[in-house]
Amino acid sequence: MTVAPPAVITGFHNEADLPLRLGLVIDTSDSIAKRLKFEQGAAADFMQKVVTRPEDLAFVIGFANSVLLVQDFTPDHTLIAHGVEQLAPAGGTALWDSVAFAADKLANHPETHPVARILVVVSDGEDNSSTATAKEAIRNAQRGGVTIYTISTREMTDVPDSQVGERALKTLAELTGGALFTPGSVRGLNGSLTDLQQVIRGRYLVTYKPASFKRDGRYRAIAIKAEKDGKNLHIYARKGYFTSSSSPE
């Protein structure tokens, strides 16, 4: 397959200079009851360090059998921390429903300028309660230009079967241009969140006009390559995008 270079690069922004739209999604199912309190403290501290400007907005979602929005879009650290504190363990795990809901929320928030749309999911990757599928959740994120970073709550001592959930989290992140973080223990969560903080503020937004573009609503695969000192670098980026099916005004 021939890959055509873009006709023109129309924009190049360091996302540290863009308003942040951040959704935090935390698994509150019964399986994480013993470590939820620690996760809440780490998550609240992370949000305070990442949401740093008045134009940055964040929301908080917890999920068990269903999806619960505990704090809507706000730049207020106190409200964000309060939302995280409200989370309580209960029931099963509706991971894909929560991702689909959060991705739609980020994508549909009205904007007048470019923004960085980021979703952070803290979970073991298991799902036993969703009506949405993994494919649908990923597609929602791809259509909305939402990048997902996942943090596995799986312990190193967990049974091998739990690796299935971790693989799901990895797929979710990679197909939306994000990455999976695996602390390996609840005590390692702070370190992963610190690393993620640096990653979020070190991203770039590149806009371009394709060499051949049709508004047919189809998915377009993209490939980004970079090298340093003659060696290829690993790039975390979206694997493609969905074109609009509507005609330009």
C-alpha atoms as a PDB file:
ATOM      1  CA  MET A   1       0.000   0.000   0.000  1.00  0.00           C
ATOM      2  CA  THR A   2       1.342   3.419  -0.994  1.00  0.00           C
ATOM      3  CA  VAL A   3       1.362   6.034   1.766  1.00  0.00           C
ATOM      4  CA  ALA A   4       0.924   9.574   0.507  1.00  0.00           C
ATOM      5  CA  PRO A   5       2.499  12.449   2.422  1.00  0.00           C
ATOM      6  CA  PRO A   6       0.179  15.319   3.442  1.00  0.00           C
ATOM      7  CA  ALA A   7      -0.389  18.130   0.975  1.00  0.00           C
ATOM      8  CA  VAL A   8       0.467  20.713   3.617  1.00  0.00           C
ATOM      9  CA  ILE A   9       1.036  20.968   7.383  1.00  0.00           C
ATOM     10  CA  THR A  10      -1.458  23.555   8.657  1.00  0.00           C
ATOM     11  CA  GLY A  11      -0.538  23.669  12.333  1.00  0.00           C
ATOM     12  CA  PHE A  12       1.989  22.466  14.887  1.00  0.00           C
ATOM     13  CA  HIS A  13       1.311  23.098  18.592  1.00  0.00           C
ATOM     14  CA  ASN A  14       2.883  21.984  21.830  1.00  0.00           C
ATOM     15  CA  GLU A  15      -0.136  20.727  23.763  1.00  0.00           C
ATOM     16  CA  ALA A  16       1.290  22.344  26.894  1.00  0.00           C
ATOM     17  CA  ASP A  17       0.149  25.603  25.269  1.00  0.00           C
ATOM     18  CA  LEU A  18      -3.376  24.321  24.559  1.00  0.00           C
ATOM     19  CA  PRO A  19      -6.344  24.299  26.954  1.00  0.00           C
ATOM     20  CA  LEU A  20      -6.675  20.859  28.522  1.00  0.00           C
ATOM     21  CA  ARG A  21      -9.896  18.855  28.502  1.00  0.00           C
ATOM     22  CA  LEU A  22      -9.305  15.945  30.862  1.00  0.00           C
ATOM     23  CA  GLY A  23     -11.640  13.155  31.860  1.00  0.00           C
ATOM     24  CA  LEU A  24     -10.688  10.935  34.818  1.00  0.00           C
ATOM     25  CA  VAL A  25     -12.421   7.552  34.879  1.00  0.00           C
ATOM     26  CA  ILE A  26     -11.927   5.367  37.959  1.00  0.00           C
ATOM     27  CA  ASP A  27     -13.002   1.750  38.462  1.00  0.00           C
ATOM     28  CA  THR A  28     -15.055   1.517  41.677  1.00  0.00           C
ATOM     29  CA  SER A  29     -16.160  -2.110  41.388  1.00  0.00           C
ATOM     30  CA  ASP A  30     -16.001  -4.426  44.397  1.00  0.00           C
ATOM     31  CA  SER A  31     -12.711  -5.925  43.172  1.00  0.00           C
ATOM     32  CA  ILE A  32     -10.790  -2.736  44.014  1.00  0.00           C
ATOM     33  CA  ALA A  33     -12.458  -1.953  47.365  1.00  0.00           C
ATOM     34  CA  LYS A  34      -9.309  -2.492  49.423  1.00  0.00           C
ATOM     35  CA  ARG A  35      -7.176  -0.101  47.385  1.00  0.00           C
ATOM     36  CA  LEU A  36      -9.748   2.545  46.388  1.00  0.00           C
ATOM     37  CA  LYS A  37      -8.841   4.948  49.202  1.00  0.00           C
ATOM     38  CA  PHE A  38      -5.199   5.054  48.105  1.00  0.00           C
ATOM     39  CA  GLU A  39      -6.206   5.428  44.453  1.00  0.00           C
ATOM     40  CA  GLN A  40      -8.459   8.358  45.338  1.00  0.00           C
ATOM     41  CA  GLY A  41      -5.633  10.210  47.074  1.00  0.00           C
ATOM     42  CA  ALA A  42      -3.216   9.603  44.210  1.00  0.00           C
ATOM     43  CA  ALA A  43      -5.804  10.634  41.604  1.00  0.00           C
ATOM     44  CA  ALA A  44      -6.733  13.860  43.413  1.00  0.00           C
ATOM     45  CA  ASP A  45      -3.052  14.821  43.677  1.00  0.00           C
ATOM     46  CA  PHE A  46      -2.529  14.044  39.978  1.00  0.00           C
ATOM     47  CA  MET A  47      -5.469  16.207  38.926  1.00  0.00           C
ATOM     48  CA  GLN A  48      -4.188  19.130  40.969  1.00  0.00           C
ATOM     49  CA  LYS A  49      -0.824  18.949  39.201  1.00  0.00           C
ATOM     50  CA  VAL A  50      -2.228  18.577  35.676  1.00  0.00           C
ATOM     51  CA  VAL A  51      -5.208  20.958  35.708  1.00  0.00           C
ATOM     52  CA  THR A  52      -3.188  24.109  36.290  1.00  0.00           C
ATOM     53  CA  ARG A  53      -4.836  26.977  34.392  1.00  0.00           C
ATOM     54  CA  PRO A  54      -8.278  28.626  34.421  1.00  0.00           C
ATOM     55  CA  GLU A  55      -8.854  27.493  30.822  1.00  0.00           C
ATOM     56  CA  ASP A  56      -8.174  23.837  31.736  1.00  0.00           C
ATOM     57  CA  LEU A  57     -11.300  21.798  32.460  1.00  0.00           C
ATOM     58  CA  ALA A  58     -11.702  18.329  33.953  1.00  0.00           C
ATOM     59  CA  PHE A  59     -14.460  15.943  34.984  1.00  0.00           C
ATOM     60  CA  VAL A  60     -14.540  12.822  37.160  1.00  0.00           C
ATOM     61  CA  ILE A  61     -16.405   9.570  36.517  1.00  0.00           C
ATOM     62  CA  GLY A  62     -16.655   6.429  38.622  1.00  0.00           C
ATOM     63  CA  PHE A  63     -17.977   3.161  37.287  1.00  0.00           C
ATOM     64  CA  ALA A  64     -19.168  -0.131  38.732  1.00  0.00           C
ATOM     65  CA  ASN A  65     -22.399  -1.655  37.369  1.00  0.00           C
ATOM     66  CA  SER A  66     -23.176   1.737  35.862  1.00  0.00           C
ATOM     67  CA  VAL A  67     -21.468   5.017  35.009  1.00  0.00           C
ATOM     68  CA  LEU A  68     -21.583   7.821  37.568  1.00  0.00           C
ATOM     69  CA  LEU A  69     -20.530  11.402  36.771  1.00  0.00           C
ATOM     70  CA  VAL A  70     -19.488  12.763  40.177  1.00  0.00           C
ATOM     71  CA  GLN A  71     -18.033  16.036  38.887  1.00  0.00           C
ATOM     72  CA  ASP A  72     -18.745  17.777  35.602  1.00  0.00           C
ATOM     73  CA  PHE A  73     -16.292  19.991  33.689  1.00  0.00           C
ATOM     74  CA  THR A  74     -14.566  22.427  36.044  1.00  0.00           C
ATOM     75  CA  PRO A  75     -11.148  24.061  36.570  1.00  0.00           C
ATOM     76  CA  ASP A  76     -11.701  24.044  40.353  1.00  0.00           C
ATOM     77  CA  HIS A  77      -9.304  21.737  42.236  1.00  0.00           C
ATOM     78  CA  THR A  78     -11.564  21.646  45.295  1.00  0.00           C
ATOM     79  CA  LEU A  79     -14.544  20.440  43.273  1.00  0.00           C
ATOM     80  CA  ILE A  80     -12.425  17.886  41.425  1.00  0.00           C
ATOM     81  CA  ALA A  81     -10.989  16.500  44.682  1.00  0.00           C
ATOM     82  CA  HIS A  82     -14.466  16.386  46.222  1.00  0.00           C
ATOM     83  CA  GLY A  83     -15.740  14.447  43.216  1.00  0.00           C
ATOM     84  CA  VAL A  84     -12.936  11.897  43.586  1.00  0.00           C
ATOM     85  CA  GLU A  85     -13.665  11.573  47.310  1.00  0.00           C
ATOM     86  CA  GLN A  86     -17.325  10.765  46.616  1.00  0.00           C
ATOM     87  CA  LEU A  87     -16.444   7.532  44.831  1.00  0.00           C
ATOM     88  CA  ALA A  88     -17.368   4.360  46.709  1.00  0.00           C
ATOM     89  CA  PRO A  89     -16.892   0.670  45.818  1.00  0.00           C
ATOM     90  CA  ALA A  90     -19.965  -1.247  44.641  1.00  0.00           C
ATOM     91  CA  GLY A  91     -21.032  -3.889  42.154  1.00  0.00           C
ATOM     92  CA  GLY A  92     -19.667  -5.048  38.839  1.00  0.00           C
ATOM     93  CA  THR A  93     -17.606  -3.400  36.115  1.00  0.00           C
ATOM     94  CA  ALA A  94     -18.998  -1.367  33.196  1.00  0.00           C
ATOM     95  CA  LEU A  95     -15.651  -0.312  31.726  1.00  0.00           C
ATOM     96  CA  TRP A  96     -16.665   0.055  28.090  1.00  0.00           C
ATOM     97  CA  ASP A  97     -19.834   1.977  28.923  1.00  0.00           C
ATOM     98  CA  SER A  98     -17.793   4.460  30.960  1.00  0.00           C
ATOM     99  CA  VAL A  99     -15.154   4.926  28.249  1.00  0.00           C
ATOM    100  CA  ALA A 100     -17.797   5.433  25.560  1.00  0.00           C
ATOM    101  CA  PHE A 101     -19.650   7.959  27.738  1.00  0.00           C
ATOM    102  CA  ALA A 102     -16.517   9.881  28.719  1.00  0.00           C
ATOM    103  CA  ALA A 103     -15.162   9.972  25.156  1.00  0.00           C
ATOM    104  CA  ASP A 104     -18.465  11.379  23.886  1.00  0.00           C
ATOM    105  CA  LYS A 105     -18.449  13.969  26.666  1.00  0.00           C
ATOM    106  CA  LEU A 106     -14.979  15.179  25.692  1.00  0.00           C
ATOM    107  CA  ALA A 107     -15.771  15.164  21.981  1.00  0.00           C
ATOM    108  CA  ASN A 108     -19.065  17.057  22.313  1.00  0.00           C
ATOM    109  CA  HIS A 109     -17.882  19.840  24.599  1.00  0.00           C
ATOM    110  CA  PRO A 110     -18.174  23.051  22.549  1.00  0.00           C
ATOM    111  CA  GLU A 111     -14.820  24.624  21.699  1.00  0.00           C
ATOM    112  CA  THR A 112     -13.784  27.753  19.830  1.00  0.00           C
ATOM    113  CA  HIS A 113     -10.064  26.944  19.616  1.00  0.00           C
ATOM    114  CA  PRO A 114      -7.900  23.781  19.478  1.00  0.00           C
ATOM    115  CA  VAL A 115      -7.749  21.861  22.756  1.00  0.00           C
ATOM    116  CA  ALA A 116      -6.050  18.732  24.082  1.00  0.00           C
ATOM    117  CA  ARG A 117      -8.649  16.010  24.729  1.00  0.00           C
ATOM    118  CA  ILE A 118      -7.295  13.420  27.175  1.00  0.00           C
ATOM    119  CA  LEU A 119      -9.017  10.536  28.972  1.00  0.00           C
ATOM    120  CA  VAL A 120      -7.299   8.772  31.881  1.00  0.00           C
ATOM    121  CA  VAL A 121      -8.731   5.383  32.842  1.00  0.00           C
ATOM    122  CA  VAL A 122      -7.740   3.691  36.110  1.00  0.00           C
ATOM    123  CA  SER A 123      -8.949   0.070  36.065  1.00  0.00           C
ATOM    124  CA  ASP A 124      -7.979  -3.591  35.970  1.00  0.00           C
ATOM    125  CA  GLY A 125      -9.457  -3.816  32.458  1.00  0.00           C
ATOM    126  CA  GLU A 126     -12.161  -6.326  33.308  1.00  0.00           C
ATOM    127  CA  ASP A 127     -15.746  -5.762  32.148  1.00  0.00           C
ATOM    128  CA  ASN A 128     -18.879  -7.682  33.111  1.00  0.00           C
ATOM    129  CA  SER A 129     -21.651  -5.065  33.010  1.00  0.00           C
ATOM    130  CA  SER A 130     -21.403  -2.946  29.847  1.00  0.00           C
ATOM    131  CA  THR A 131     -23.894  -2.736  27.015  1.00  0.00           C
ATOM    132  CA  ALA A 132     -21.277  -1.050  24.813  1.00  0.00           C
ATOM    133  CA  THR A 133     -18.477  -3.150  23.333  1.00  0.00           C
ATOM    134  CA  ALA A 134     -14.754  -2.432  23.406  1.00  0.00           C
ATOM    135  CA  LYS A 135     -14.898  -1.705  19.674  1.00  0.00           C
ATOM    136  CA  GLU A 136     -17.674   0.856  20.157  1.00  0.00           C
ATOM    137  CA  ALA A 137     -15.846   2.579  23.014  1.00  0.00           C
ATOM    138  CA  ILE A 138     -12.638   2.839  20.990  1.00  0.00           C
ATOM    139  CA  ARG A 139     -14.513   4.143  17.965  1.00  0.00           C
ATOM    140  CA  ASN A 140     -16.165   6.858  20.063  1.00  0.00           C
ATOM    141  CA  ALA A 141     -12.737   8.023  21.179  1.00  0.00           C
ATOM    142  CA  GLN A 142     -11.305   7.892  17.656  1.00  0.00           C
ATOM    143  CA  ARG A 143     -14.209   9.873  16.192  1.00  0.00           C
ATOM    144  CA  GLY A 144     -13.859  12.523  18.888  1.00  0.00           C
ATOM    145  CA  GLY A 145     -10.089  12.913  18.670  1.00  0.00           C
ATOM    146  CA  VAL A 146      -9.741  11.680  22.261  1.00  0.00           C
ATOM    147  CA  THR A 147      -6.442  10.192  23.420  1.00  0.00           C
ATOM    148  CA  ILE A 148      -6.752   7.587  26.168  1.00  0.00           C
ATOM    149  CA  TYR A 149      -4.126   6.726  28.759  1.00  0.00           C
ATOM    150  CA  THR A 150      -4.821   3.651  30.857  1.00  0.00           C
ATOM    151  CA  ILE A 151      -3.385   2.753  34.254  1.00  0.00           C
ATOM    152  CA  SER A 152      -3.664  -0.889  35.233  1.00  0.00           C
ATOM    153  CA  THR A 153      -4.563  -1.613  38.852  1.00  0.00           C
ATOM    154  CA  ARG A 154      -3.447  -5.216  38.417  1.00  0.00           C
ATOM    155  CA  GLU A 155      -1.022  -6.352  41.121  1.00  0.00           C
ATOM    156  CA  MET A 156       2.082  -8.343  40.216  1.00  0.00           C
ATOM    157  CA  THR A 157       0.788 -11.109  42.478  1.00  0.00           C
ATOM    158  CA  ASP A 158      -2.588 -11.365  40.674  1.00  0.00           C
ATOM    159  CA  VAL A 159      -3.522 -14.571  38.862  1.00  0.00           C
ATOM    160  CA  PRO A 160      -2.456 -14.896  35.201  1.00  0.00           C
ATOM    161  CA  ASP A 161      -6.079 -14.614  34.005  1.00  0.00           C
ATOM    162  CA  SER A 162      -6.061 -10.957  35.038  1.00  0.00           C
ATOM    163  CA  GLN A 163      -3.638 -10.258  32.185  1.00  0.00           C
ATOM    164  CA  VAL A 164      -6.623 -10.367  29.828  1.00  0.00           C
ATOM    165  CA  GLY A 165      -7.849  -7.091  31.309  1.00  0.00           C
ATOM    166  CA  GLU A 166      -4.421  -5.544  31.018  1.00  0.00           C
ATOM    167  CA  ARG A 167      -4.261  -6.471  27.334  1.00  0.00           C
ATOM    168  CA  ALA A 168      -7.639  -4.774  26.849  1.00  0.00           C
ATOM    169  CA  LEU A 169      -6.306  -1.608  28.473  1.00  0.00           C
ATOM    170  CA  LYS A 170      -3.236  -1.702  26.240  1.00  0.00           C
ATOM    171  CA  THR A 171      -5.373  -2.027  23.102  1.00  0.00           C
ATOM    172  CA  LEU A 172      -7.642   0.812  24.231  1.00  0.00           C
ATOM    173  CA  ALA A 173      -4.662   3.109  24.758  1.00  0.00           C
ATOM    174  CA  GLU A 174      -2.669   2.200  21.655  1.00  0.00           C
ATOM    175  CA  LEU A 175      -5.582   2.529  19.225  1.00  0.00           C
ATOM    176  CA  THR A 176      -6.310   6.064  20.459  1.00  0.00           C
ATOM    177  CA  GLY A 177      -2.719   7.302  20.514  1.00  0.00           C
ATOM    178  CA  GLY A 178      -2.116   6.861  24.248  1.00  0.00           C
ATOM    179  CA  ALA A 179      -0.194   4.378  26.350  1.00  0.00           C
ATOM    180  CA  LEU A 180      -0.679   1.827  29.116  1.00  0.00           C
ATOM    181  CA  PHE A 181       0.980   2.348  32.509  1.00  0.00           C
ATOM    182  CA  THR A 182       1.493  -0.692  34.725  1.00  0.00           C
ATOM    183  CA  PRO A 183       2.486   0.275  38.289  1.00  0.00           C
ATOM    184  CA  GLY A 184       2.440  -3.386  39.397  1.00  0.00           C
ATOM    185  CA  SER A 185       1.235  -2.440  42.867  1.00  0.00           C
ATOM    186  CA  VAL A 186      -0.977   0.143  44.492  1.00  0.00           C
ATOM    187  CA  ARG A 187       2.124   1.843  45.919  1.00  0.00           C
ATOM    188  CA  GLY A 188       3.491   2.264  42.413  1.00  0.00           C
ATOM    189  CA  LEU A 189       0.445   4.254  41.298  1.00  0.00           C
ATOM    190  CA  ASN A 190       1.905   7.623  42.289  1.00  0.00           C
ATOM    191  CA  GLY A 191       4.955   7.004  40.117  1.00  0.00           C
ATOM    192  CA  SER A 192       2.839   6.108  37.085  1.00  0.00           C
ATOM    193  CA  LEU A 193       0.675   9.186  37.539  1.00  0.00           C
ATOM    194  CA  THR A 194       3.782  11.369  37.796  1.00  0.00           C
ATOM    195  CA  ASP A 195       5.084   9.871  34.549  1.00  0.00           C
ATOM    196  CA  LEU A 196       1.700  10.424  32.916  1.00  0.00           C
ATOM    197  CA  GLN A 197       1.699  14.058  34.003  1.00  0.00           C
ATOM    198  CA  GLN A 198       4.926  14.606  32.061  1.00  0.00           C
ATOM    199  CA  VAL A 199       3.598  12.750  29.022  1.00  0.00           C
ATOM    200  CA  ILE A 200       0.406  14.809  28.832  1.00  0.00           C
ATOM    201  CA  ARG A 201       2.272  18.112  28.862  1.00  0.00           C
ATOM    202  CA  GLY A 202       4.890  16.854  26.401  1.00  0.00           C
ATOM    203  CA  ARG A 203       2.484  16.058  23.574  1.00  0.00           C
ATOM    204  CA  TYR A 204       2.131  17.881  20.246  1.00  0.00           C
ATOM    205  CA  LEU A 205      -0.885  18.604  18.061  1.00  0.00           C
ATOM    206  CA  VAL A 206      -0.207  18.454  14.326  1.00  0.00           C
ATOM    207  CA  THR A 207      -2.878  19.439  11.818  1.00  0.00           C
ATOM    208  CA  TYR A 208      -2.583  18.894   8.091  1.00  0.00           C
ATOM    209  CA  LYS A 209      -4.436  18.727   4.788  1.00  0.00           C
ATOM    210  CA  PRO A 210      -4.318  15.230   3.238  1.00  0.00           C
ATOM    211  CA  ALA A 211      -3.112  14.850  -0.316  1.00  0.00           C
ATOM    212  CA  SER A 212      -6.402  13.166  -1.205  1.00  0.00           C
ATOM    213  CA  PHE A 213      -9.388  13.929   0.977  1.00  0.00           C
ATOM    214  CA  LYS A 214     -13.007  12.812   0.703  1.00  0.00           C
ATOM    215  CA  ARG A 215     -15.791  13.613   3.162  1.00  0.00           C
ATOM    216  CA  ASP A 216     -17.222  10.097   3.138  1.00  0.00           C
ATOM    217  CA  GLY A 217     -17.222   9.292   6.870  1.00  0.00           C
ATOM    218  CA  ARG A 218     -14.651   6.525   6.437  1.00  0.00           C
ATOM    219  CA  TYR A 219     -11.663   5.726   8.644  1.00  0.00           C
ATOM    220  CA  ARG A 220      -8.285   6.887   7.376  1.00  0.00           C
ATOM    221  CA  ALA A 221      -5.136   5.229   8.710  1.00  0.00           C
ATOM    222  CA  ILE A 222      -2.119   7.435   9.336  1.00  0.00           C
ATOM    223  CA  ALA A 223       1.531   6.741  10.095  1.00  0.00           C
ATOM    224  CA  ILE A 224       3.930   9.153  11.795  1.00  0.00           C
ATOM    225  CA  LYS A 225       7.655   8.522  11.617  1.00  0.00           C
ATOM    226  CA  ALA A 226      10.517  10.311  13.333  1.00  0.00           C
ATOM    227  CA  GLU A 227      14.191   9.572  13.718  1.00  0.00           C
ATOM    228  CA  LYS A 228      17.167  10.822  15.669  1.00  0.00           C
ATOM    229  CA  ASP A 229      20.798  10.138  14.841  1.00  0.00           C
ATOM    230  CA  GLY A 230      19.650   7.778  12.103  1.00  0.00           C
ATOM    231  CA  LYS A 231      17.483   5.696  14.435  1.00  0.00           C
ATOM    232  CA  ASN A 232      13.699   5.455  14.289  1.00  0.00           C
ATOM    233  CA  LEU A 233      11.899   6.790  17.364  1.00  0.00           C
ATOM    234  CA  HIS A 234       8.793   5.227  18.866  1.00  0.00           C
ATOM    235  CA  ILE A 235       5.913   7.666  18.415  1.00  0.00           C
ATOM    236  CA  TYR A 236       2.739   7.550  20.489  1.00  0.00           C
ATOM    237  CA  ALA A 237       0.073   8.868  18.142  1.00  0.00           C
ATOM    238  CA  ARG A 238      -3.371   8.168  16.799  1.00  0.00           C
ATOM    239  CA  LYS A 239      -3.480   5.369  14.245  1.00  0.00           C
ATOM    240  CA  GLY A 240      -6.035   7.197  12.119  1.00  0.00           C
ATOM    241  CA  TYR A 241      -9.180   9.305  12.060  1.00  0.00           C
ATOM    242  CA  PHE A 242     -12.747   9.316  10.794  1.00  0.00           C
ATOM    243  CA  THR A 243     -13.581  11.892   8.135  1.00  0.00           C
ATOM    244  CA  SER A 244     -16.727  13.952   8.352  1.00  0.00           C
ATOM    245  CA  SER A 245     -19.586  12.694   6.199  1.00  0.00           C
ATOM    246  CA  SER A 246     -21.076  16.193   5.858  1.00  0.00           C
ATOM    247  CA  SER A 247     -20.239  18.724   3.199  1.00  0.00           C
ATOM    248  CA  PRO A 248     -18.320  21.857   4.185  1.00  0.00           C
ATOM    249  CA  GLU A 249     -20.404  24.992   4.567  1.00  0.00           C
END
